[in-house]
Amino acid sequence: MVRRKLILAIVAAVISVGATGVWFLISERQEAQQRHERFFGSTKDYPTSGGEKMKIEW
């Protein structure tokens, strides 16, 4: 009986440590992706009114 409880406790500890590690890896990847998008991303606003007309050069 004690051996079964000990094995179950060890299995539960291993599963919880593994789940925590996976959670940290996933959150770090998402944060890195957000930093990448913030650094390399461009604005999606391209104002097209009120500017100079383009001059064609031949």
N, C-alpha and C. Protein backbone atom coordinates (compact mmCIF):
# COMPACT_ATOMS: atom_id res chain seq x y z
N MET A 1 0.82 -1.19 0.00
CA MET A 1 0.00 0.00 0.00
C MET A 1 0.87 1.25 0.00
N VAL A 2 1.90 1.26 0.84
CA VAL A 2 2.78 2.42 0.91
C VAL A 2 3.58 2.55 -0.38
N ARG A 3 3.98 1.42 -0.94
CA ARG A 3 4.77 1.44 -2.17
C ARG A 3 3.94 2.01 -3.32
N ARG A 4 2.67 1.66 -3.40
CA ARG A 4 1.79 2.16 -4.44
C ARG A 4 1.61 3.68 -4.31
N LYS A 5 1.44 4.16 -3.10
CA LYS A 5 1.28 5.60 -2.87
C LYS A 5 2.57 6.35 -3.24
N LEU A 6 3.70 5.75 -2.92
CA LEU A 6 4.97 6.38 -3.24
C LEU A 6 5.16 6.46 -4.75
N ILE A 7 4.82 5.41 -5.45
CA ILE A 7 4.94 5.40 -6.91
C ILE A 7 3.99 6.44 -7.52
N LEU A 8 2.76 6.50 -7.02
CA LEU A 8 1.80 7.49 -7.52
C LEU A 8 2.28 8.92 -7.26
N ALA A 9 2.87 9.15 -6.09
CA ALA A 9 3.39 10.48 -5.75
C ALA A 9 4.55 10.86 -6.68
N ILE A 10 5.41 9.90 -6.97
CA ILE A 10 6.54 10.16 -7.87
C ILE A 10 6.04 10.43 -9.28
N VAL A 11 5.08 9.66 -9.75
CA VAL A 11 4.52 9.87 -11.09
C VAL A 11 3.85 11.23 -11.18
N ALA A 12 3.09 11.61 -10.14
CA ALA A 12 2.44 12.92 -10.13
C ALA A 12 3.47 14.05 -10.14
N ALA A 13 4.57 13.88 -9.41
CA ALA A 13 5.61 14.90 -9.38
C ALA A 13 6.29 15.03 -10.74
N VAL A 14 6.56 13.91 -11.38
CA VAL A 14 7.20 13.94 -12.70
C VAL A 14 6.28 14.60 -13.73
N ILE A 15 5.00 14.27 -13.68
CA ILE A 15 4.05 14.88 -14.62
C ILE A 15 3.94 16.39 -14.38
N SER A 16 3.89 16.80 -13.13
CA SER A 16 3.77 18.24 -12.85
C SER A 16 5.03 19.00 -13.25
N VAL A 17 6.19 18.43 -13.04
CA VAL A 17 7.43 19.08 -13.44
C VAL A 17 7.51 19.15 -14.97
N GLY A 18 7.11 18.10 -15.64
CA GLY A 18 7.11 18.09 -17.10
C GLY A 18 6.13 19.11 -17.67
N ALA A 19 4.95 19.19 -17.09
CA ALA A 19 3.95 20.16 -17.57
C ALA A 19 4.44 21.59 -17.35
N THR A 20 5.08 21.84 -16.23
CA THR A 20 5.62 23.17 -15.96
C THR A 20 6.71 23.52 -16.97
N GLY A 21 7.57 22.58 -17.28
CA GLY A 21 8.63 22.83 -18.27
C GLY A 21 8.07 23.13 -19.64
N VAL A 22 7.07 22.37 -20.06
CA VAL A 22 6.44 22.61 -21.36
C VAL A 22 5.77 23.97 -21.38
N TRP A 23 5.12 24.33 -20.28
CA TRP A 23 4.45 25.64 -20.18
C TRP A 23 5.47 26.77 -20.32
N PHE A 24 6.61 26.66 -19.67
CA PHE A 24 7.65 27.69 -19.78
C PHE A 24 8.19 27.78 -21.21
N LEU A 25 8.39 26.65 -21.86
CA LEU A 25 8.89 26.66 -23.24
C LEU A 25 7.90 27.32 -24.18
N ILE A 26 6.63 27.00 -24.04
CA ILE A 26 5.61 27.59 -24.92
C ILE A 26 5.50 29.08 -24.69
N SER A 27 5.49 29.51 -23.44
CA SER A 27 5.36 30.94 -23.16
C SER A 27 6.59 31.70 -23.65
N GLU A 28 7.77 31.12 -23.56
CA GLU A 28 8.98 31.79 -24.04
C GLU A 28 8.96 31.92 -25.56
N ARG A 29 8.48 30.90 -26.25
CA ARG A 29 8.40 30.98 -27.71
C ARG A 29 7.42 32.05 -28.14
N GLN A 30 6.28 32.14 -27.47
CA GLN A 30 5.28 33.16 -27.81
C GLN A 30 5.83 34.55 -27.55
N GLU A 31 6.53 34.73 -26.45
CA GLU A 31 7.11 36.03 -26.13
C GLU A 31 8.18 36.40 -27.15
N ALA A 32 8.99 35.44 -27.56
CA ALA A 32 10.02 35.71 -28.57
C ALA A 32 9.38 36.08 -29.90
N GLN A 33 8.30 35.42 -30.25
CA GLN A 33 7.61 35.74 -31.50
C GLN A 33 7.01 37.14 -31.44
N GLN A 34 6.46 37.53 -30.30
CA GLN A 34 5.90 38.88 -30.15
C GLN A 34 7.00 39.94 -30.24
N ARG A 35 8.16 39.67 -29.62
CA ARG A 35 9.28 40.62 -29.73
C ARG A 35 9.75 40.74 -31.17
N HIS A 36 9.79 39.61 -31.88
CA HIS A 36 10.20 39.61 -33.29
C HIS A 36 9.23 40.44 -34.12
N GLU A 37 7.94 40.24 -33.94
CA GLU A 37 6.96 40.99 -34.71
C GLU A 37 7.01 42.48 -34.37
N ARG A 38 7.23 42.81 -33.11
CA ARG A 38 7.29 44.21 -32.70
C ARG A 38 8.55 44.89 -33.28
N PHE A 39 9.65 44.16 -33.37
CA PHE A 39 10.90 44.75 -33.86
C PHE A 39 10.92 44.86 -35.38
N PHE A 40 10.53 43.78 -36.07
CA PHE A 40 10.62 43.75 -37.52
C PHE A 40 9.34 44.17 -38.21
N GLY A 41 8.26 44.25 -37.50
CA GLY A 41 6.97 44.56 -38.11
C GLY A 41 6.92 46.02 -38.56
N SER A 42 6.07 46.28 -39.51
CA SER A 42 5.86 47.65 -39.95
C SER A 42 4.42 48.03 -39.68
N THR A 43 4.17 49.31 -39.69
CA THR A 43 2.81 49.75 -39.46
C THR A 43 1.96 49.43 -40.69
N LYS A 44 0.73 49.19 -40.47
CA LYS A 44 -0.17 48.87 -41.57
C LYS A 44 -0.90 50.13 -42.05
N ASP A 45 -0.56 51.29 -41.49
CA ASP A 45 -1.16 52.56 -41.93
C ASP A 45 -0.28 53.19 -43.00
N TYR A 46 -0.83 53.35 -44.15
CA TYR A 46 -0.13 54.01 -45.24
C TYR A 46 -0.99 55.20 -45.69
N PRO A 47 -0.78 56.36 -45.09
CA PRO A 47 -1.62 57.50 -45.45
C PRO A 47 -1.37 57.90 -46.91
N THR A 48 -2.44 58.08 -47.67
CA THR A 48 -2.31 58.38 -49.09
C THR A 48 -2.88 59.75 -49.45
N SER A 49 -3.31 60.51 -48.49
CA SER A 49 -3.89 61.81 -48.81
C SER A 49 -2.96 62.92 -48.34
N GLY A 50 -2.98 64.04 -49.07
CA GLY A 50 -2.23 65.22 -48.65
C GLY A 50 -0.76 65.18 -48.97
N GLY A 51 -0.28 64.27 -49.78
CA GLY A 51 1.14 64.21 -50.08
C GLY A 51 1.46 64.86 -51.42
N GLU A 52 2.73 64.86 -51.76
CA GLU A 52 3.14 65.41 -53.05
C GLU A 52 2.81 64.43 -54.17
N LYS A 53 2.54 64.98 -55.34
CA LYS A 53 2.29 64.12 -56.48
C LYS A 53 3.62 63.58 -56.98
N MET A 54 3.61 62.38 -57.46
CA MET A 54 4.84 61.78 -57.96
C MET A 54 5.19 62.37 -59.30
N LYS A 55 6.46 62.66 -59.47
CA LYS A 55 6.96 63.22 -60.70
C LYS A 55 7.64 62.11 -61.50
N ILE A 56 7.23 61.93 -62.71
CA ILE A 56 7.80 60.88 -63.55
C ILE A 56 9.12 61.39 -64.11
N GLU A 57 10.17 60.60 -63.95
CA GLU A 57 11.48 60.96 -64.48
C GLU A 57 11.78 60.04 -65.66
N TRP A 58 12.16 60.67 -66.79
CA TRP A 58 12.45 59.91 -67.99
C TRP A 58 13.92 59.86 -68.23
